Amino acid sequence: MPSALRLRLGLTAVLAASAVLALGAFYAGDSEPGPVDARLGTAAYDVGPPWRNVALALDFLGEPAGATALVVTLMAGCLLLRRPRAAALVAAGATAAVVTATLLKSLVGRTIHGDGNLSYPSGHTAFATALALAVALAATGRLGLGRTAASALVLGAALTAGAAMGWAQVALGAHYPTDALGGWCTALAVVPAAAWLVDRTADRMTGRAGGRTVERRTDGTTRRPPGRRPANRPADRVEDRRAGHTADRNAGRTAHRTADRTTDRRPGRSTGARTGRIAGRTPGRTADAVHREVR
């Protein structure tokens, strides 16, 4: 997860989880559409071709066969782009969203078209939204977007995918509109947590390997972990040898300059000798001028 989006996605996850719980408590044990469902669902129920065919195609992507094919395709694309954390987030985010939605259905107990058809929240909508969030998080790092642009991309992708799948479920009569809303909020609540967990686990595994100084997040961005580099690495040994050679050269130069100053100050050497040496080094200057300078 991009560090710039952690706070925003964290707050979004908290609000989404609150919405899921509030709607679940309101519609617990119910089997009839609520006031919101009656208003929103009237325009979407019983659509005809070609929109019904579009709804059926979207619905297939949420079924076990279609969902598996979609997840495998996205993971393969992430691995080809060398984004293993993004591939892990695709699998973890989709799985977390579907499992959470399934558990909530049993807890809430809302039904549609009979007692055996649990409806809240919509698992199809949660699945589609989770995939869109995972892909958008990977794209933010790949494109190098700023905080505002990245937030717009992530939330826009989640809204588009959730609205499309939610409309398909309502149009086919499989869910109420509030079921789709609950599925959308479920994905917004669990995917940021899944992204944090993937990054945390990958960081620990990279730290145990001990061979990398740069770590890659689920969105493709990198960070340098704290602490010193592992000891006895070839690069460290080369730097140590270079530092040793530099220290030896500096020590040699210092000793040479010290010896020159000591020689100049030895007893027995007259001011005239020093004057002659300086005059020899400074063409065009008279011995008297140099003698006065030395004195």
C-alpha atoms as a PDB file:
ATOM      1  CA  MET A   1       0.000   0.000   0.000  1.00  0.00           C
ATOM      2  CA  PRO A   2       1.388   3.453  -0.827  1.00  0.00           C
ATOM      3  CA  SER A   3       2.460   5.290   2.304  1.00  0.00           C
ATOM      4  CA  ALA A   4       0.720   8.441   1.078  1.00  0.00           C
ATOM      5  CA  LEU A   5      -2.621   6.617   0.999  1.00  0.00           C
ATOM      6  CA  ARG A   6      -2.413   4.735   4.276  1.00  0.00           C
ATOM      7  CA  LEU A   7      -4.200   7.339   6.359  1.00  0.00           C
ATOM      8  CA  ARG A   8      -6.930   7.988   3.798  1.00  0.00           C
ATOM      9  CA  LEU A   9      -7.562   4.321   3.096  1.00  0.00           C
ATOM     10  CA  GLY A  10      -7.475   3.575   6.809  1.00  0.00           C
ATOM     11  CA  LEU A  11     -10.173   6.149   7.514  1.00  0.00           C
ATOM     12  CA  THR A  12     -12.163   4.880   4.520  1.00  0.00           C
ATOM     13  CA  ALA A  13     -11.925   1.331   5.838  1.00  0.00           C
ATOM     14  CA  VAL A  14     -13.230   2.395   9.248  1.00  0.00           C
ATOM     15  CA  LEU A  15     -16.169   4.264   7.734  1.00  0.00           C
ATOM     16  CA  ALA A  16     -16.939   1.390   5.368  1.00  0.00           C
ATOM     17  CA  ALA A  17     -16.879  -1.154   8.194  1.00  0.00           C
ATOM     18  CA  SER A  18     -19.236   1.047  10.203  1.00  0.00           C
ATOM     19  CA  ALA A  19     -21.617   1.236   7.241  1.00  0.00           C
ATOM     20  CA  VAL A  20     -21.555  -2.540   6.789  1.00  0.00           C
ATOM     21  CA  LEU A  21     -22.399  -3.132  10.430  1.00  0.00           C
ATOM     22  CA  ALA A  22     -25.125  -0.467  10.482  1.00  0.00           C
ATOM     23  CA  LEU A  23     -26.852  -1.830   7.375  1.00  0.00           C
ATOM     24  CA  GLY A  24     -26.500  -5.383   8.641  1.00  0.00           C
ATOM     25  CA  ALA A  25     -28.105  -4.505  11.947  1.00  0.00           C
ATOM     26  CA  PHE A  26     -30.932  -2.646  10.220  1.00  0.00           C
ATOM     27  CA  TYR A  27     -31.779  -5.457   7.775  1.00  0.00           C
ATOM     28  CA  ALA A  28     -31.001  -8.422  10.030  1.00  0.00           C
ATOM     29  CA  GLY A  29     -33.504 -11.236   9.544  1.00  0.00           C
ATOM     30  CA  ASP A  30     -35.458  -9.288   6.938  1.00  0.00           C
ATOM     31  CA  SER A  31     -36.755 -10.726   3.677  1.00  0.00           C
ATOM     32  CA  GLU A  32     -38.405  -7.689   2.108  1.00  0.00           C
ATOM     33  CA  PRO A  33     -36.915  -4.720   0.277  1.00  0.00           C
ATOM     34  CA  GLY A  34     -36.544  -1.574   2.333  1.00  0.00           C
ATOM     35  CA  PRO A  35     -37.590   1.955   1.306  1.00  0.00           C
ATOM     36  CA  VAL A  36     -34.241   2.593  -0.389  1.00  0.00           C
ATOM     37  CA  ASP A  37     -34.413  -0.716  -2.195  1.00  0.00           C
ATOM     38  CA  ALA A  38     -37.899   0.034  -3.505  1.00  0.00           C
ATOM     39  CA  ARG A  39     -36.810   3.398  -4.916  1.00  0.00           C
ATOM     40  CA  LEU A  40     -33.511   2.330  -6.466  1.00  0.00           C
ATOM     41  CA  GLY A  41     -34.494  -1.141  -7.542  1.00  0.00           C
ATOM     42  CA  THR A  42     -37.531  -0.212  -9.617  1.00  0.00           C
ATOM     43  CA  ALA A  43     -35.439   1.198 -12.453  1.00  0.00           C
ATOM     44  CA  ALA A  44     -33.042  -1.763 -12.499  1.00  0.00           C
ATOM     45  CA  TYR A  45     -35.349  -4.770 -12.127  1.00  0.00           C
ATOM     46  CA  ASP A  46     -36.209  -6.938 -15.109  1.00  0.00           C
ATOM     47  CA  VAL A  47     -33.983  -5.349 -17.756  1.00  0.00           C
ATOM     48  CA  GLY A  48     -34.232  -6.719 -21.289  1.00  0.00           C
ATOM     49  CA  PRO A  49     -31.647  -7.386 -23.970  1.00  0.00           C
ATOM     50  CA  PRO A  50     -28.985  -6.318 -24.642  1.00  0.00           C
ATOM     51  CA  TRP A  51     -28.470  -5.036 -21.085  1.00  0.00           C
ATOM     52  CA  ARG A  52     -29.533  -8.332 -19.608  1.00  0.00           C
ATOM     53  CA  ASN A  53     -26.725 -10.038 -21.527  1.00  0.00           C
ATOM     54  CA  VAL A  54     -24.269  -7.520 -20.097  1.00  0.00           C
ATOM     55  CA  ALA A  55     -25.579  -8.244 -16.619  1.00  0.00           C
ATOM     56  CA  LEU A  56     -25.193 -11.989 -17.163  1.00  0.00           C
ATOM     57  CA  ALA A  57     -21.591 -11.530 -18.353  1.00  0.00           C
ATOM     58  CA  LEU A  58     -20.731  -9.467 -15.284  1.00  0.00           C
ATOM     59  CA  ASP A  59     -22.449 -11.985 -13.044  1.00  0.00           C
ATOM     60  CA  PHE A  60     -20.345 -14.799 -14.545  1.00  0.00           C
ATOM     61  CA  LEU A  61     -17.165 -12.997 -13.466  1.00  0.00           C
ATOM     62  CA  GLY A  62     -18.356 -13.384  -9.878  1.00  0.00           C
ATOM     63  CA  GLU A  63     -19.154 -17.073 -10.156  1.00  0.00           C
ATOM     64  CA  PRO A  64     -16.498 -19.621  -9.078  1.00  0.00           C
ATOM     65  CA  ALA A  65     -15.292 -20.430 -12.618  1.00  0.00           C
ATOM     66  CA  GLY A  66     -15.218 -16.849 -13.842  1.00  0.00           C
ATOM     67  CA  ALA A  67     -13.753 -15.498 -10.609  1.00  0.00           C
ATOM     68  CA  THR A  68     -10.950 -18.074 -10.615  1.00  0.00           C
ATOM     69  CA  ALA A  69     -10.050 -17.315 -14.218  1.00  0.00           C
ATOM     70  CA  LEU A  70     -10.061 -13.573 -13.532  1.00  0.00           C
ATOM     71  CA  VAL A  71      -7.872 -13.849 -10.431  1.00  0.00           C
ATOM     72  CA  VAL A  72      -5.372 -16.153 -12.156  1.00  0.00           C
ATOM     73  CA  THR A  73      -5.147 -13.794 -15.137  1.00  0.00           C
ATOM     74  CA  LEU A  74      -4.527 -10.739 -12.967  1.00  0.00           C
ATOM     75  CA  MET A  75      -1.947 -12.557 -10.852  1.00  0.00           C
ATOM     76  CA  ALA A  76      -0.121 -13.733 -13.965  1.00  0.00           C
ATOM     77  CA  GLY A  77      -0.042 -10.187 -15.288  1.00  0.00           C
ATOM     78  CA  CYS A  78       1.387  -8.884 -12.003  1.00  0.00           C
ATOM     79  CA  LEU A  79       4.085 -11.558 -11.998  1.00  0.00           C
ATOM     80  CA  LEU A  80       5.029 -10.794 -15.607  1.00  0.00           C
ATOM     81  CA  LEU A  81       5.440  -7.154 -14.576  1.00  0.00           C
ATOM     82  CA  ARG A  82       7.588  -8.282 -11.617  1.00  0.00           C
ATOM     83  CA  ARG A  83       5.077  -7.202  -9.004  1.00  0.00           C
ATOM     84  CA  PRO A  84       4.833 -10.228  -6.717  1.00  0.00           C
ATOM     85  CA  ARG A  85       3.300  -8.250  -3.887  1.00  0.00           C
ATOM     86  CA  ALA A  86       0.569  -6.979  -6.177  1.00  0.00           C
ATOM     87  CA  ALA A  87      -0.130 -10.567  -7.225  1.00  0.00           C
ATOM     88  CA  ALA A  88      -0.351 -11.571  -3.570  1.00  0.00           C
ATOM     89  CA  LEU A  89      -2.725  -8.672  -2.875  1.00  0.00           C
ATOM     90  CA  VAL A  90      -5.010  -9.719  -5.739  1.00  0.00           C
ATOM     91  CA  ALA A  91      -5.385 -13.169  -4.203  1.00  0.00           C
ATOM     92  CA  ALA A  92      -5.512 -12.001  -0.582  1.00  0.00           C
ATOM     93  CA  GLY A  93      -7.901  -9.102  -1.204  1.00  0.00           C
ATOM     94  CA  ALA A  94     -10.371 -11.126  -3.263  1.00  0.00           C
ATOM     95  CA  THR A  95     -10.296 -14.012  -0.792  1.00  0.00           C
ATOM     96  CA  ALA A  96     -10.747 -11.748   2.226  1.00  0.00           C
ATOM     97  CA  ALA A  97     -13.678  -9.934   0.622  1.00  0.00           C
ATOM     98  CA  VAL A  98     -15.514 -13.126  -0.363  1.00  0.00           C
ATOM     99  CA  VAL A  99     -14.910 -14.846   2.984  1.00  0.00           C
ATOM    100  CA  THR A 100     -16.030 -11.780   4.935  1.00  0.00           C
ATOM    101  CA  ALA A 101     -19.179 -11.410   2.829  1.00  0.00           C
ATOM    102  CA  THR A 102     -20.023 -15.094   3.302  1.00  0.00           C
ATOM    103  CA  LEU A 103     -19.646 -14.859   7.061  1.00  0.00           C
ATOM    104  CA  LEU A 104     -21.760 -11.710   7.233  1.00  0.00           C
ATOM    105  CA  LYS A 105     -24.545 -13.367   5.244  1.00  0.00           C
ATOM    106  CA  SER A 106     -24.856 -16.039   7.884  1.00  0.00           C
ATOM    107  CA  LEU A 107     -24.760 -13.494  10.696  1.00  0.00           C
ATOM    108  CA  VAL A 108     -27.246 -11.012   9.220  1.00  0.00           C
ATOM    109  CA  GLY A 109     -29.646 -13.555   7.807  1.00  0.00           C
ATOM    110  CA  ARG A 110     -31.311 -11.325   5.240  1.00  0.00           C
ATOM    111  CA  THR A 111     -32.932 -13.295   2.412  1.00  0.00           C
ATOM    112  CA  ILE A 112     -34.366 -12.702  -1.045  1.00  0.00           C
ATOM    113  CA  HIS A 113     -36.745 -14.948  -3.010  1.00  0.00           C
ATOM    114  CA  GLY A 114     -37.041 -17.442  -0.183  1.00  0.00           C
ATOM    115  CA  ASP A 115     -35.423 -18.440   3.081  1.00  0.00           C
ATOM    116  CA  GLY A 116     -32.505 -20.258   1.459  1.00  0.00           C
ATOM    117  CA  ASN A 117     -31.179 -17.263  -0.499  1.00  0.00           C
ATOM    118  CA  LEU A 118     -29.026 -15.157   1.813  1.00  0.00           C
ATOM    119  CA  SER A 119     -28.465 -11.772   0.260  1.00  0.00           C
ATOM    120  CA  TYR A 120     -26.636  -9.316   2.546  1.00  0.00           C
ATOM    121  CA  PRO A 121     -23.971  -8.355   1.659  1.00  0.00           C
ATOM    122  CA  SER A 122     -23.453  -9.096  -2.030  1.00  0.00           C
ATOM    123  CA  GLY A 123     -20.432 -11.356  -2.468  1.00  0.00           C
ATOM    124  CA  HIS A 124     -20.226 -10.627  -6.199  1.00  0.00           C
ATOM    125  CA  THR A 125     -20.002  -6.893  -5.558  1.00  0.00           C
ATOM    126  CA  ALA A 126     -17.437  -7.354  -2.804  1.00  0.00           C
ATOM    127  CA  PHE A 127     -15.315  -9.559  -5.078  1.00  0.00           C
ATOM    128  CA  ALA A 128     -15.367  -7.140  -8.032  1.00  0.00           C
ATOM    129  CA  THR A 129     -14.587  -4.146  -5.824  1.00  0.00           C
ATOM    130  CA  ALA A 130     -11.713  -5.966  -4.119  1.00  0.00           C
ATOM    131  CA  LEU A 131     -10.076  -6.809  -7.450  1.00  0.00           C
ATOM    132  CA  ALA A 132     -10.440  -3.233  -8.654  1.00  0.00           C
ATOM    133  CA  LEU A 133      -8.843  -1.929  -5.446  1.00  0.00           C
ATOM    134  CA  ALA A 134      -5.905  -4.333  -5.707  1.00  0.00           C
ATOM    135  CA  VAL A 135      -5.192  -3.430  -9.330  1.00  0.00           C
ATOM    136  CA  ALA A 136      -5.557   0.297  -8.633  1.00  0.00           C
ATOM    137  CA  LEU A 137      -3.138   0.127  -5.690  1.00  0.00           C
ATOM    138  CA  ALA A 138      -0.566  -1.557  -7.917  1.00  0.00           C
ATOM    139  CA  ALA A 139      -1.099   1.021 -10.658  1.00  0.00           C
ATOM    140  CA  THR A 140      -0.519   4.005  -8.353  1.00  0.00           C
ATOM    141  CA  GLY A 141       3.088   2.992  -7.774  1.00  0.00           C
ATOM    142  CA  ARG A 142       3.622   1.937 -11.377  1.00  0.00           C
ATOM    143  CA  LEU A 143       2.451   5.321 -12.680  1.00  0.00           C
ATOM    144  CA  GLY A 144       4.152   7.344  -9.928  1.00  0.00           C
ATOM    145  CA  LEU A 145       0.990   9.254  -9.018  1.00  0.00           C
ATOM    146  CA  GLY A 146       0.734  11.808  -6.251  1.00  0.00           C
ATOM    147  CA  ARG A 147      -1.535  11.569  -3.232  1.00  0.00           C
ATOM    148  CA  THR A 148      -4.566  13.263  -4.813  1.00  0.00           C
ATOM    149  CA  ALA A 149      -4.313  11.467  -8.153  1.00  0.00           C
ATOM    150  CA  ALA A 150      -3.696   8.119  -6.455  1.00  0.00           C
ATOM    151  CA  SER A 151      -6.698   8.575  -4.166  1.00  0.00           C
ATOM    152  CA  ALA A 152      -8.894   9.452  -7.136  1.00  0.00           C
ATOM    153  CA  LEU A 153      -7.700   6.419  -9.078  1.00  0.00           C
ATOM    154  CA  VAL A 154      -8.208   3.959  -6.213  1.00  0.00           C
ATOM    155  CA  LEU A 155     -11.629   5.191  -5.147  1.00  0.00           C
ATOM    156  CA  GLY A 156     -12.732   5.695  -8.751  1.00  0.00           C
ATOM    157  CA  ALA A 157     -11.798   2.128  -9.678  1.00  0.00           C
ATOM    158  CA  ALA A 158     -13.618   0.787  -6.617  1.00  0.00           C
ATOM    159  CA  LEU A 159     -16.713   2.850  -7.374  1.00  0.00           C
ATOM    160  CA  THR A 160     -16.791   1.818 -11.049  1.00  0.00           C
ATOM    161  CA  ALA A 161     -16.347  -1.895 -10.394  1.00  0.00           C
ATOM    162  CA  GLY A 162     -18.761  -1.912  -7.470  1.00  0.00           C
ATOM    163  CA  ALA A 163     -21.434   0.018  -9.347  1.00  0.00           C
ATOM    164  CA  ALA A 164     -21.183  -2.215 -12.417  1.00  0.00           C
ATOM    165  CA  MET A 165     -21.391  -5.491 -10.505  1.00  0.00           C
ATOM    166  CA  GLY A 166     -24.013  -4.144  -8.101  1.00  0.00           C
ATOM    167  CA  TRP A 167     -26.209  -3.052 -11.009  1.00  0.00           C
ATOM    168  CA  ALA A 168     -25.873  -6.507 -12.576  1.00  0.00           C
ATOM    169  CA  GLN A 169     -26.938  -8.216  -9.350  1.00  0.00           C
ATOM    170  CA  VAL A 170     -29.945  -5.949  -8.893  1.00  0.00           C
ATOM    171  CA  ALA A 171     -30.920  -6.238 -12.564  1.00  0.00           C
ATOM    172  CA  LEU A 172     -30.886 -10.034 -12.379  1.00  0.00           C
ATOM    173  CA  GLY A 173     -32.907  -9.997  -9.168  1.00  0.00           C
ATOM    174  CA  ALA A 174     -30.158 -11.662  -7.145  1.00  0.00           C
ATOM    175  CA  HIS A 175     -29.747  -8.839  -4.611  1.00  0.00           C
ATOM    176  CA  TYR A 176     -31.337  -5.697  -3.300  1.00  0.00           C
ATOM    177  CA  PRO A 177     -29.543  -2.376  -3.886  1.00  0.00           C
ATOM    178  CA  THR A 178     -28.571  -2.196  -0.219  1.00  0.00           C
ATOM    179  CA  ASP A 179     -27.027  -5.668  -0.538  1.00  0.00           C
ATOM    180  CA  ALA A 180     -24.785  -4.331  -3.295  1.00  0.00           C
ATOM    181  CA  LEU A 181     -23.928  -1.307  -1.166  1.00  0.00           C
ATOM    182  CA  GLY A 182     -22.992  -3.597   1.714  1.00  0.00           C
ATOM    183  CA  GLY A 183     -20.753  -5.680  -0.554  1.00  0.00           C
ATOM    184  CA  TRP A 184     -19.022  -2.555  -1.839  1.00  0.00           C
ATOM    185  CA  CYS A 185     -18.365  -1.316   1.693  1.00  0.00           C
ATOM    186  CA  THR A 186     -17.131  -4.780   2.703  1.00  0.00           C
ATOM    187  CA  ALA A 187     -14.379  -4.631   0.100  1.00  0.00           C
ATOM    188  CA  LEU A 188     -13.419  -1.102   1.132  1.00  0.00           C
ATOM    189  CA  ALA A 189     -13.087  -2.329   4.713  1.00  0.00           C
ATOM    190  CA  VAL A 190     -11.021  -5.483   4.191  1.00  0.00           C
ATOM    191  CA  VAL A 191      -8.744  -4.736   1.207  1.00  0.00           C
ATOM    192  CA  PRO A 192      -6.668  -2.001   2.954  1.00  0.00           C
ATOM    193  CA  ALA A 193      -6.137  -4.418   5.843  1.00  0.00           C
ATOM    194  CA  ALA A 194      -5.125  -7.153   3.396  1.00  0.00           C
ATOM    195  CA  ALA A 195      -2.677  -4.776   1.674  1.00  0.00           C
ATOM    196  CA  TRP A 196      -1.089  -3.875   5.016  1.00  0.00           C
ATOM    197  CA  LEU A 197      -0.797  -7.564   5.924  1.00  0.00           C
ATOM    198  CA  VAL A 198       0.802  -8.451   2.577  1.00  0.00           C
ATOM    199  CA  ASP A 199       3.367  -5.666   2.955  1.00  0.00           C
ATOM    200  CA  ARG A 200       4.096  -6.652   6.549  1.00  0.00           C
ATOM    201  CA  THR A 201       4.577 -10.319   5.699  1.00  0.00           C
ATOM    202  CA  ALA A 202       6.740  -9.585   2.663  1.00  0.00           C
ATOM    203  CA  ASP A 203       8.920  -7.195   4.679  1.00  0.00           C
ATOM    204  CA  ARG A 204       9.565  -9.868   7.292  1.00  0.00           C
ATOM    205  CA  MET A 205      10.382 -12.480   4.665  1.00  0.00           C
ATOM    206  CA  THR A 206      12.746 -10.073   2.924  1.00  0.00           C
ATOM    207  CA  GLY A 207      14.423  -9.246   6.225  1.00  0.00           C
ATOM    208  CA  ARG A 208      14.985 -12.934   6.990  1.00  0.00           C
ATOM    209  CA  ALA A 209      16.541 -13.483   3.581  1.00  0.00           C
ATOM    210  CA  GLY A 210      19.072 -10.768   4.468  1.00  0.00           C
ATOM    211  CA  GLY A 211      20.188 -10.153   0.937  1.00  0.00           C
ATOM    212  CA  ARG A 212      18.197  -7.091  -0.140  1.00  0.00           C
ATOM    213  CA  THR A 213      18.477  -3.491   0.923  1.00  0.00           C
ATOM    214  CA  VAL A 214      15.442  -2.298  -1.082  1.00  0.00           C
ATOM    215  CA  GLU A 215      11.919  -3.615  -0.518  1.00  0.00           C
ATOM    216  CA  ARG A 216       8.978  -3.413  -2.931  1.00  0.00           C
ATOM    217  CA  ARG A 217       5.423  -2.750  -1.778  1.00  0.00           C
ATOM    218  CA  THR A 218       2.162  -3.961  -3.255  1.00  0.00           C
ATOM    219  CA  ASP A 219       1.818  -0.799  -5.309  1.00  0.00           C
ATOM    220  CA  GLY A 220       5.253  -1.186  -6.867  1.00  0.00           C
ATOM    221  CA  THR A 221       6.983   1.518  -4.825  1.00  0.00           C
ATOM    222  CA  THR A 222      10.175   0.768  -2.932  1.00  0.00           C
ATOM    223  CA  ARG A 223      11.657   1.709   0.406  1.00  0.00           C
ATOM    224  CA  ARG A 224      14.978   1.082   2.085  1.00  0.00           C
ATOM    225  CA  PRO A 225      14.561  -0.813   5.376  1.00  0.00           C
ATOM    226  CA  PRO A 226      16.126   0.655   8.527  1.00  0.00           C
ATOM    227  CA  GLY A 227      19.293  -0.704  10.038  1.00  0.00           C
ATOM    228  CA  ARG A 228      22.767  -1.470   8.776  1.00  0.00           C
ATOM    229  CA  ARG A 229      23.479  -3.698   5.839  1.00  0.00           C
ATOM    230  CA  PRO A 230      24.403  -7.305   6.539  1.00  0.00           C
ATOM    231  CA  ALA A 231      28.055  -7.774   7.445  1.00  0.00           C
ATOM    232  CA  ASN A 232      30.654  -9.606   5.353  1.00  0.00           C
ATOM    233  CA  ARG A 233      28.958  -8.735   2.078  1.00  0.00           C
ATOM    234  CA  PRO A 234      31.296  -8.366  -0.946  1.00  0.00           C
ATOM    235  CA  ALA A 235      30.344  -4.710  -1.335  1.00  0.00           C
ATOM    236  CA  ASP A 236      31.182  -4.075   2.339  1.00  0.00           C
ATOM    237  CA  ARG A 237      34.574  -5.766   1.991  1.00  0.00           C
ATOM    238  CA  VAL A 238      35.425  -3.701  -1.074  1.00  0.00           C
ATOM    239  CA  GLU A 239      34.446  -0.503   0.728  1.00  0.00           C
ATOM    240  CA  ASP A 240      36.523  -1.520   3.747  1.00  0.00           C
ATOM    241  CA  ARG A 241      39.599  -2.113   1.558  1.00  0.00           C
ATOM    242  CA  ARG A 242      39.137   1.233  -0.151  1.00  0.00           C
ATOM    243  CA  ALA A 243      38.762   2.979   3.186  1.00  0.00           C
ATOM    244  CA  GLY A 244      41.964   1.280   4.406  1.00  0.00           C
ATOM    245  CA  HIS A 245      43.957   2.351   1.353  1.00  0.00           C
ATOM    246  CA  THR A 246      42.717   5.917   1.708  1.00  0.00           C
ATOM    247  CA  ALA A 247      43.688   6.008   5.383  1.00  0.00           C
ATOM    248  CA  ASP A 248      47.170   4.664   4.552  1.00  0.00           C
ATOM    249  CA  ARG A 249      47.719   7.301   1.889  1.00  0.00           C
ATOM    250  CA  ASN A 250      46.576  10.093   4.210  1.00  0.00           C
ATOM    251  CA  ALA A 251      48.812   8.821   6.983  1.00  0.00           C
ATOM    252  CA  GLY A 252      51.787   8.709   4.593  1.00  0.00           C
ATOM    253  CA  ARG A 253      51.223  12.264   3.432  1.00  0.00           C
ATOM    254  CA  THR A 254      50.928  13.503   7.012  1.00  0.00           C
ATOM    255  CA  ALA A 255      54.165  11.756   8.022  1.00  0.00           C
ATOM    256  CA  HIS A 256      55.993  13.209   5.009  1.00  0.00           C
ATOM    257  CA  ARG A 257      54.919  16.755   5.792  1.00  0.00           C
ATOM    258  CA  THR A 258      55.888  16.272   9.457  1.00  0.00           C
ATOM    259  CA  ALA A 259      59.340  15.050   8.453  1.00  0.00           C
ATOM    260  CA  ASP A 260      59.846  18.109   6.236  1.00  0.00           C
ATOM    261  CA  ARG A 261      58.976  20.473   9.061  1.00  0.00           C
ATOM    262  CA  THR A 262      61.266  18.584  11.462  1.00  0.00           C
ATOM    263  CA  THR A 263      64.162  18.785   9.003  1.00  0.00           C
ATOM    264  CA  ASP A 264      63.709  22.508   8.588  1.00  0.00           C
ATOM    265  CA  ARG A 265      63.928  23.019  12.334  1.00  0.00           C
ATOM    266  CA  ARG A 266      66.983  20.837  13.058  1.00  0.00           C
ATOM    267  CA  PRO A 267      69.798  22.572  14.982  1.00  0.00           C
ATOM    268  CA  GLY A 268      72.788  23.577  12.997  1.00  0.00           C
ATOM    269  CA  ARG A 269      70.976  24.856  10.002  1.00  0.00           C
ATOM    270  CA  SER A 270      71.544  28.570   9.619  1.00  0.00           C
ATOM    271  CA  THR A 271      69.163  31.176   8.516  1.00  0.00           C
ATOM    272  CA  GLY A 272      71.263  31.643   5.435  1.00  0.00           C
ATOM    273  CA  ALA A 273      70.728  28.050   4.350  1.00  0.00           C
ATOM    274  CA  ARG A 274      67.020  28.425   4.702  1.00  0.00           C
ATOM    275  CA  THR A 275      67.170  31.749   2.897  1.00  0.00           C
ATOM    276  CA  GLY A 276      69.029  30.176   0.018  1.00  0.00           C
ATOM    277  CA  ARG A 277      66.520  27.349  -0.262  1.00  0.00           C
ATOM    278  CA  ILE A 278      63.599  29.779  -0.321  1.00  0.00           C
ATOM    279  CA  ALA A 279      65.326  32.028  -2.818  1.00  0.00           C
ATOM    280  CA  GLY A 280      65.949  29.055  -5.039  1.00  0.00           C
ATOM    281  CA  ARG A 281      62.274  28.178  -4.980  1.00  0.00           C
ATOM    282  CA  THR A 282      61.254  31.800  -5.728  1.00  0.00           C
ATOM    283  CA  PRO A 283      62.853  33.116  -8.910  1.00  0.00           C
ATOM    284  CA  GLY A 284      63.161  36.860  -9.256  1.00  0.00           C
ATOM    285  CA  ARG A 285      63.430  37.574  -5.527  1.00  0.00           C
ATOM    286  CA  THR A 286      66.683  38.890  -4.019  1.00  0.00           C
ATOM    287  CA  ALA A 287      68.438  37.177  -1.189  1.00  0.00           C
ATOM    288  CA  ASP A 288      68.032  40.276   1.002  1.00  0.00           C
ATOM    289  CA  ALA A 289      64.255  40.269   0.526  1.00  0.00           C
ATOM    290  CA  VAL A 290      64.047  36.606   1.304  1.00  0.00           C
ATOM    291  CA  HIS A 291      66.330  37.057   4.341  1.00  0.00           C
ATOM    292  CA  ARG A 292      64.027  39.785   5.681  1.00  0.00           C
ATOM    293  CA  GLU A 293      60.992  37.549   5.077  1.00  0.00           C
ATOM    294  CA  VAL A 294      62.582  34.656   6.932  1.00  0.00           C
ATOM    295  CA  ARG A 295      63.445  36.896   9.868  1.00  0.00           C
END
